[in-house]
Every structure is written in C-alpha cells, then in structure tokens.
PDB file of N, CA and C in Angstrom:
ATOM      1  N   MET A   1       0.489   7.567   2.977  1.00  0.00           N
ATOM      2  CA  MET A   1       0.987   8.879   2.618  1.00  0.00           C
ATOM      3  C   MET A   1       0.199   9.361   1.405  1.00  0.00           C
ATOM      4  N   GLY A   2      -0.136  10.626   1.413  1.00  0.00           N
ATOM      5  CA  GLY A   2      -0.861  11.210   0.295  1.00  0.00           C
ATOM      6  C   GLY A   2       0.090  11.572  -0.834  1.00  0.00           C
ATOM      7  N   ASP A   3      -0.387  12.389  -1.700  1.00  0.00           N
ATOM      8  CA  ASP A   3       0.407  12.856  -2.835  1.00  0.00           C
ATOM      9  C   ASP A   3       1.630  13.622  -2.316  1.00  0.00           C
ATOM     10  N   TRP A   4       2.777  13.373  -2.887  1.00  0.00           N
ATOM     11  CA  TRP A   4       4.011  14.021  -2.428  1.00  0.00           C
ATOM     12  C   TRP A   4       3.913  15.533  -2.516  1.00  0.00           C
ATOM     13  N   ARG A   5       3.108  16.032  -3.456  1.00  0.00           N
ATOM     14  CA  ARG A   5       2.986  17.485  -3.636  1.00  0.00           C
ATOM     15  C   ARG A   5       2.317  18.168  -2.448  1.00  0.00           C
ATOM     16  N   GLU A   6       1.562  17.406  -1.656  1.00  0.00           N
ATOM     17  CA  GLU A   6       0.954  17.984  -0.457  1.00  0.00           C
ATOM     18  C   GLU A   6       2.028  18.470   0.513  1.00  0.00           C
ATOM     19  N   GLN A   7       3.192  17.861   0.453  1.00  0.00           N
ATOM     20  CA  GLN A   7       4.281  18.246   1.347  1.00  0.00           C
ATOM     21  C   GLN A   7       4.955  19.541   0.927  1.00  0.00           C
ATOM     22  N   LEU A   8       4.557  20.073  -0.210  1.00  0.00           N
ATOM     23  CA  LEU A   8       5.100  21.358  -0.658  1.00  0.00           C
ATOM     24  C   LEU A   8       4.357  22.535  -0.036  1.00  0.00           C
ATOM     25  N   ASP A   9       3.184  22.257   0.543  1.00  0.00           N
ATOM     26  CA  ASP A   9       2.402  23.328   1.175  1.00  0.00           C
ATOM     27  C   ASP A   9       3.254  24.034   2.226  1.00  0.00           C
ATOM     28  N   GLY A  10       3.205  25.329   2.218  1.00  0.00           N
ATOM     29  CA  GLY A  10       3.955  26.115   3.184  1.00  0.00           C
ATOM     30  C   GLY A  10       5.329  26.552   2.691  1.00  0.00           C
ATOM     31  N   LEU A  11       5.803  25.932   1.610  1.00  0.00           N
ATOM     32  CA  LEU A  11       7.081  26.372   1.045  1.00  0.00           C
ATOM     33  C   LEU A  11       6.862  27.615   0.200  1.00  0.00           C
ATOM     34  N   PRO A  12       7.876  28.454   0.061  1.00  0.00           N
ATOM     35  CA  PRO A  12       7.753  29.613  -0.829  1.00  0.00           C
ATOM     36  C   PRO A  12       7.470  29.151  -2.264  1.00  0.00           C
ATOM     37  N   LEU A  13       6.795  29.989  -3.027  1.00  0.00           N
ATOM     38  CA  LEU A  13       6.411  29.651  -4.387  1.00  0.00           C
ATOM     39  C   LEU A  13       7.608  29.201  -5.222  1.00  0.00           C
ATOM     40  N   GLN A  14       8.706  29.905  -5.134  1.00  0.00           N
ATOM     41  CA  GLN A  14       9.894  29.547  -5.908  1.00  0.00           C
ATOM     42  C   GLN A  14      10.361  28.127  -5.564  1.00  0.00           C
ATOM     43  N   SER A  15      10.348  27.778  -4.301  1.00  0.00           N
ATOM     44  CA  SER A  15      10.758  26.435  -3.888  1.00  0.00           C
ATOM     45  C   SER A  15       9.784  25.380  -4.389  1.00  0.00           C
ATOM     46  N   ARG A  16       8.498  25.682  -4.368  1.00  0.00           N
ATOM     47  CA  ARG A  16       7.500  24.729  -4.880  1.00  0.00           C
ATOM     48  C   ARG A  16       7.687  24.495  -6.374  1.00  0.00           C
ATOM     49  N   LEU A  17       7.924  25.569  -7.120  1.00  0.00           N
ATOM     50  CA  LEU A  17       8.135  25.424  -8.560  1.00  0.00           C
ATOM     51  C   LEU A  17       9.394  24.619  -8.864  1.00  0.00           C
ATOM     52  N   LYS A  18      10.444  24.886  -8.114  1.00  0.00           N
ATOM     53  CA  LYS A  18      11.675  24.123  -8.303  1.00  0.00           C
ATOM     54  C   LYS A  18      11.473  22.654  -7.946  1.00  0.00           C
ATOM     55  N   ALA A  19      10.686  22.388  -6.913  1.00  0.00           N
ATOM     56  CA  ALA A  19      10.407  21.004  -6.524  1.00  0.00           C
ATOM     57  C   ALA A  19       9.676  20.265  -7.635  1.00  0.00           C
ATOM     58  N   LEU A  20       8.737  20.926  -8.282  1.00  0.00           N
ATOM     59  CA  LEU A  20       8.031  20.312  -9.404  1.00  0.00           C
ATOM     60  C   LEU A  20       8.990  20.040 -10.557  1.00  0.00           C
ATOM     61  N   LEU A  21       9.893  20.970 -10.804  1.00  0.00           N
ATOM     62  CA  LEU A  21      10.914  20.778 -11.838  1.00  0.00           C
ATOM     63  C   LEU A  21      11.819  19.605 -11.490  1.00  0.00           C
ATOM     64  N   VAL A  22      12.239  19.533 -10.238  1.00  0.00           N
ATOM     65  CA  VAL A  22      13.091  18.437  -9.780  1.00  0.00           C
ATOM     66  C   VAL A  22      12.391  17.100 -10.026  1.00  0.00           C
ATOM     67  N   TYR A  23      11.115  17.030  -9.687  1.00  0.00           N
ATOM     68  CA  TYR A  23      10.357  15.792  -9.886  1.00  0.00           C
ATOM     69  C   TYR A  23      10.350  15.394 -11.360  1.00  0.00           C
ATOM     70  N   GLU A  24      10.055  16.339 -12.218  1.00  0.00           N
ATOM     71  CA  GLU A  24       9.990  16.037 -13.648  1.00  0.00           C
ATOM     72  C   GLU A  24      11.343  15.596 -14.198  1.00  0.00           C
ATOM     73  N   LEU A  25      12.392  16.304 -13.829  1.00  0.00           N
ATOM     74  CA  LEU A  25      13.722  15.946 -14.309  1.00  0.00           C
ATOM     75  C   LEU A  25      14.146  14.564 -13.813  1.00  0.00           C
ATOM     76  N   ALA A  26      13.934  14.305 -12.539  1.00  0.00           N
ATOM     77  CA  ALA A  26      14.321  13.008 -11.978  1.00  0.00           C
ATOM     78  C   ALA A  26      13.473  11.883 -12.548  1.00  0.00           C
ATOM     79  N   SER A  27      12.194  12.134 -12.747  1.00  0.00           N
ATOM     80  CA  SER A  27      11.337  11.065 -13.271  1.00  0.00           C
ATOM     81  C   SER A  27      11.690  10.722 -14.719  1.00  0.00           C
ATOM     82  N   ASP A  28      12.233  11.666 -15.456  1.00  0.00           N
ATOM     83  CA  ASP A  28      12.709  11.379 -16.813  1.00  0.00           C
ATOM     84  C   ASP A  28      13.992  10.549 -16.796  1.00  0.00           C
ATOM     85  N   ARG A  29      14.781  10.721 -15.757  1.00  0.00           N
ATOM     86  CA  ARG A  29      16.093  10.067 -15.696  1.00  0.00           C
ATOM     87  C   ARG A  29      16.048   8.663 -15.105  1.00  0.00           C
ATOM     88  N   VAL A  30      15.201   8.447 -14.100  1.00  0.00           N
ATOM     89  CA  VAL A  30      15.231   7.164 -13.381  1.00  0.00           C
ATOM     90  C   VAL A  30      13.839   6.587 -13.113  1.00  0.00           C
ATOM     91  N   PRO A  31      12.958   6.556 -14.102  1.00  0.00           N
ATOM     92  CA  PRO A  31      11.625   6.018 -13.834  1.00  0.00           C
ATOM     93  C   PRO A  31      11.674   4.529 -13.497  1.00  0.00           C
ATOM     94  N   GLY A  32      11.009   4.156 -12.434  1.00  0.00           N
ATOM     95  CA  GLY A  32      10.903   2.746 -12.076  1.00  0.00           C
ATOM     96  C   GLY A  32      12.160   2.111 -11.507  1.00  0.00           C
ATOM     97  N   GLN A  33      13.174   2.904 -11.217  1.00  0.00           N
ATOM     98  CA  GLN A  33      14.412   2.372 -10.646  1.00  0.00           C
ATOM     99  C   GLN A  33      14.201   2.089  -9.156  1.00  0.00           C
ATOM    100  N   PRO A  34      15.112   1.334  -8.543  1.00  0.00           N
ATOM    101  CA  PRO A  34      15.006   1.074  -7.102  1.00  0.00           C
ATOM    102  C   PRO A  34      14.977   2.388  -6.310  1.00  0.00           C
ATOM    103  N   LEU A  35      14.361   2.333  -5.160  1.00  0.00           N
ATOM    104  CA  LEU A  35      14.152   3.544  -4.358  1.00  0.00           C
ATOM    105  C   LEU A  35      15.459   4.255  -4.024  1.00  0.00           C
ATOM    106  N   ASP A  36      16.510   3.525  -3.688  1.00  0.00           N
ATOM    107  CA  ASP A  36      17.767   4.197  -3.331  1.00  0.00           C
ATOM    108  C   ASP A  36      18.364   4.951  -4.527  1.00  0.00           C
ATOM    109  N   VAL A  37      18.240   4.385  -5.708  1.00  0.00           N
ATOM    110  CA  VAL A  37      18.732   5.047  -6.918  1.00  0.00           C
ATOM    111  C   VAL A  37      17.901   6.297  -7.207  1.00  0.00           C
ATOM    112  N   THR A  38      16.595   6.149  -7.089  1.00  0.00           N
ATOM    113  CA  THR A  38      15.693   7.268  -7.356  1.00  0.00           C
ATOM    114  C   THR A  38      15.893   8.386  -6.350  1.00  0.00           C
ATOM    115  N   THR A  39      16.025   8.034  -5.080  1.00  0.00           N
ATOM    116  CA  THR A  39      16.236   9.054  -4.046  1.00  0.00           C
ATOM    117  C   THR A  39      17.535   9.816  -4.300  1.00  0.00           C
ATOM    118  N   ALA A  40      18.574   9.105  -4.665  1.00  0.00           N
ATOM    119  CA  ALA A  40      19.851   9.767  -4.970  1.00  0.00           C
ATOM    120  C   ALA A  40      19.706  10.716  -6.153  1.00  0.00           C
ATOM    121  N   ALA A  41      18.950  10.306  -7.157  1.00  0.00           N
ATOM    122  CA  ALA A  41      18.746  11.165  -8.329  1.00  0.00           C
ATOM    123  C   ALA A  41      17.944  12.408  -7.964  1.00  0.00           C
ATOM    124  N   VAL A  42      16.890  12.241  -7.175  1.00  0.00           N
ATOM    125  CA  VAL A  42      16.080  13.393  -6.759  1.00  0.00           C
ATOM    126  C   VAL A  42      16.939  14.350  -5.941  1.00  0.00           C
ATOM    127  N   ARG A  43      17.713  13.826  -5.017  1.00  0.00           N
ATOM    128  CA  ARG A  43      18.591  14.676  -4.201  1.00  0.00           C
ATOM    129  C   ARG A  43      19.622  15.408  -5.067  1.00  0.00           C
ATOM    130  N   ALA A  44      20.181  14.733  -6.054  1.00  0.00           N
ATOM    131  CA  ALA A  44      21.171  15.366  -6.921  1.00  0.00           C
ATOM    132  C   ALA A  44      20.552  16.515  -7.716  1.00  0.00           C
ATOM    133  N   VAL A  45      19.367  16.287  -8.259  1.00  0.00           N
ATOM    134  CA  VAL A  45      18.703  17.349  -9.023  1.00  0.00           C
ATOM    135  C   VAL A  45      18.309  18.489  -8.089  1.00  0.00           C
ATOM    136  N   ALA A  46      17.814  18.159  -6.904  1.00  0.00           N
ATOM    137  CA  ALA A  46      17.437  19.197  -5.934  1.00  0.00           C
ATOM    138  C   ALA A  46      18.653  20.037  -5.544  1.00  0.00           C
ATOM    139  N   THR A  47      19.773  19.382  -5.332  1.00  0.00           N
ATOM    140  CA  THR A  47      21.007  20.105  -5.004  1.00  0.00           C
ATOM    141  C   THR A  47      21.392  21.039  -6.142  1.00  0.00           C
ATOM    142  N   ALA A  48      21.304  20.541  -7.368  1.00  0.00           N
ATOM    143  CA  ALA A  48      21.645  21.368  -8.533  1.00  0.00           C
ATOM    144  C   ALA A  48      20.729  22.580  -8.649  1.00  0.00           C
ATOM    145  N   GLU A  49      19.502  22.442  -8.165  1.00  0.00           N
ATOM    146  CA  GLU A  49      18.543  23.551  -8.206  1.00  0.00           C
ATOM    147  C   GLU A  49      18.619  24.435  -6.965  1.00  0.00           C
ATOM    148  N   GLY A  50      19.532  24.111  -6.058  1.00  0.00           N
ATOM    149  CA  GLY A  50      19.724  24.937  -4.872  1.00  0.00           C
ATOM    150  C   GLY A  50      18.693  24.712  -3.774  1.00  0.00           C
ATOM    151  N   LEU A  51      18.064  23.538  -3.767  1.00  0.00           N
ATOM    152  CA  LEU A  51      17.051  23.245  -2.755  1.00  0.00           C
ATOM    153  C   LEU A  51      17.646  22.482  -1.582  1.00  0.00           C
ATOM    154  N   ASP A  52      16.998  22.592  -0.438  1.00  0.00           N
ATOM    155  CA  ASP A  52      17.371  21.862   0.767  1.00  0.00           C
ATOM    156  C   ASP A  52      17.005  20.394   0.568  1.00  0.00           C
ATOM    157  N   THR A  53      17.988  19.523   0.568  1.00  0.00           N
ATOM    158  CA  THR A  53      17.727  18.108   0.316  1.00  0.00           C
ATOM    159  C   THR A  53      17.211  17.371   1.547  1.00  0.00           C
ATOM    160  N   GLY A  54      17.037  18.081   2.639  1.00  0.00           N
ATOM    161  CA  GLY A  54      16.479  17.473   3.840  1.00  0.00           C
ATOM    162  C   GLY A  54      14.965  17.591   3.928  1.00  0.00           C
ATOM    163  N   GLN A  55      14.354  18.172   2.925  1.00  0.00           N
ATOM    164  CA  GLN A  55      12.895  18.348   2.923  1.00  0.00           C
ATOM    165  C   GLN A  55      12.203  16.997   2.772  1.00  0.00           C
ATOM    166  N   PRO A  56      11.094  16.787   3.480  1.00  0.00           N
ATOM    167  CA  PRO A  56      10.406  15.490   3.417  1.00  0.00           C
ATOM    168  C   PRO A  56       9.806  15.164   2.049  1.00  0.00           C
ATOM    169  N   TRP A  57       9.526  16.154   1.234  1.00  0.00           N
ATOM    170  CA  TRP A  57       8.934  15.866  -0.072  1.00  0.00           C
ATOM    171  C   TRP A  57       9.879  15.079  -0.963  1.00  0.00           C
ATOM    172  N   ILE A  58      11.188  15.184  -0.707  1.00  0.00           N
ATOM    173  CA  ILE A  58      12.165  14.497  -1.557  1.00  0.00           C
ATOM    174  C   ILE A  58      11.989  12.981  -1.474  1.00  0.00           C
ATOM    175  N   ASP A  59      11.890  12.456  -0.272  1.00  0.00           N
ATOM    176  CA  ASP A  59      11.709  11.012  -0.125  1.00  0.00           C
ATOM    177  C   ASP A  59      10.366  10.564  -0.695  1.00  0.00           C
ATOM    178  N   ALA A  60       9.330  11.369  -0.487  1.00  0.00           N
ATOM    179  CA  ALA A  60       8.005  11.031  -1.000  1.00  0.00           C
ATOM    180  C   ALA A  60       7.983  11.069  -2.529  1.00  0.00           C
ATOM    181  N   ALA A  61       8.618  12.071  -3.118  1.00  0.00           N
ATOM    182  CA  ALA A  61       8.675  12.171  -4.576  1.00  0.00           C
ATOM    183  C   ALA A  61       9.481  11.012  -5.153  1.00  0.00           C
ATOM    184  N   ALA A  62      10.574  10.658  -4.503  1.00  0.00           N
ATOM    185  CA  ALA A  62      11.391   9.537  -4.969  1.00  0.00           C
ATOM    186  C   ALA A  62      10.591   8.237  -4.942  1.00  0.00           C
ATOM    187  N   ALA A  63       9.793   8.055  -3.913  1.00  0.00           N
ATOM    188  CA  ALA A  63       8.971   6.842  -3.824  1.00  0.00           C
ATOM    189  C   ALA A  63       7.969   6.776  -4.975  1.00  0.00           C
ATOM    190  N   ARG A  64       7.378   7.910  -5.334  1.00  0.00           N
ATOM    191  CA  ARG A  64       6.428   7.926  -6.458  1.00  0.00           C
ATOM    192  C   ARG A  64       7.129   7.632  -7.780  1.00  0.00           C
ATOM    193  N   ILE A  65       8.300   8.213  -7.982  1.00  0.00           N
ATOM    194  CA  ILE A  65       9.046   7.968  -9.208  1.00  0.00           C
ATOM    195  C   ILE A  65       9.471   6.506  -9.279  1.00  0.00           C
ATOM    196  N   SER A  66       9.921   5.965  -8.165  1.00  0.00           N
ATOM    197  CA  SER A  66      10.364   4.580  -8.102  1.00  0.00           C
ATOM    198  C   SER A  66       9.231   3.606  -8.423  1.00  0.00           C
ATOM    199  N   ALA A  67       8.001   4.027  -8.153  1.00  0.00           N
ATOM    200  CA  ALA A  67       6.834   3.180  -8.430  1.00  0.00           C
ATOM    201  C   ALA A  67       6.615   2.972  -9.919  1.00  0.00           C
ATOM    202  N   GLY A  68       7.287   3.761 -10.751  1.00  0.00           N
ATOM    203  CA  GLY A  68       7.165   3.603 -12.191  1.00  0.00           C
ATOM    204  C   GLY A  68       6.165   4.572 -12.796  1.00  0.00           C
ATOM    205  N   PRO A  69       5.673   4.274 -13.980  1.00  0.00           N
ATOM    206  CA  PRO A  69       4.797   5.195 -14.719  1.00  0.00           C
ATOM    207  C   PRO A  69       3.580   5.672 -13.942  1.00  0.00           C
ATOM    208  N   LEU A  70       3.061   4.845 -13.048  1.00  0.00           N
ATOM    209  CA  LEU A  70       1.895   5.288 -12.286  1.00  0.00           C
ATOM    210  C   LEU A  70       2.244   6.403 -11.320  1.00  0.00           C
ATOM    211  N   GLY A  71       3.549   6.585 -11.021  1.00  0.00           N
ATOM    212  CA  GLY A  71       3.970   7.648 -10.129  1.00  0.00           C
ATOM    213  C   GLY A  71       4.041   9.010 -10.787  1.00  0.00           C
ATOM    214  N   ARG A  72       3.856   9.048 -12.107  1.00  0.00           N
ATOM    215  CA  ARG A  72       3.951  10.314 -12.830  1.00  0.00           C
ATOM    216  C   ARG A  72       2.606  10.998 -12.858  1.00  0.00           C
ATOM    217  N   PRO A  73       2.581  12.318 -12.618  1.00  0.00           N
ATOM    218  CA  PRO A  73       1.322  13.039 -12.687  1.00  0.00           C
ATOM    219  C   PRO A  73       0.687  12.865 -14.075  1.00  0.00           C
ATOM    220  N   GLY A  74      -0.579  12.657 -14.098  1.00  0.00           N
ATOM    221  CA  GLY A  74      -1.292  12.536 -15.351  1.00  0.00           C
ATOM    222  C   GLY A  74      -1.205  11.165 -15.984  1.00  0.00           C
ATOM    223  N   ALA A  75      -0.473  10.260 -15.355  1.00  0.00           N
ATOM    224  CA  ALA A  75      -0.352   8.903 -15.921  1.00  0.00           C
ATOM    225  C   ALA A  75      -1.472   8.023 -15.443  1.00  0.00           C
TER     226      ALA A  75
END
C-alpha cells in the first residue's frame, strides 16, 4: 500500500483537509499504539469532524500512525 494520503484523491477539498487534520490529531493522541486502538481513535476524530468513517483512508492512516514516529509525515 502506498501513502495513505493517495486515498484522498477524488475527495472534495474540504474532506481532504479534514482528513489531514484527523491524521494529525489522532497521531498526537495515540502514536505507536496497537492498530485497533489507533483505528478507533482515527474513527472517533473523523466522526467528530463529520467525516464518513467508512472511507478506506481511515484504515490506512491508522496503520501509519500505529507504526510509530516513522508513520508521521516529515519524520
């Protein structure tokens, strides 16, 4: 799987920006945690931002966050 952000292609700009925000917020809260914990956190933040939690980028973003510091952009 490539970069999780590739899965944002085709989404409206507002949704892409919110997805990036969701990633940053979740990665601050649960860096390096088990995948199920990270996925739940990403889904919770996405729900709070009004995003569809069934989008495939959510699982991909959670996997990157779960990987720890290397999963963060710019790390």
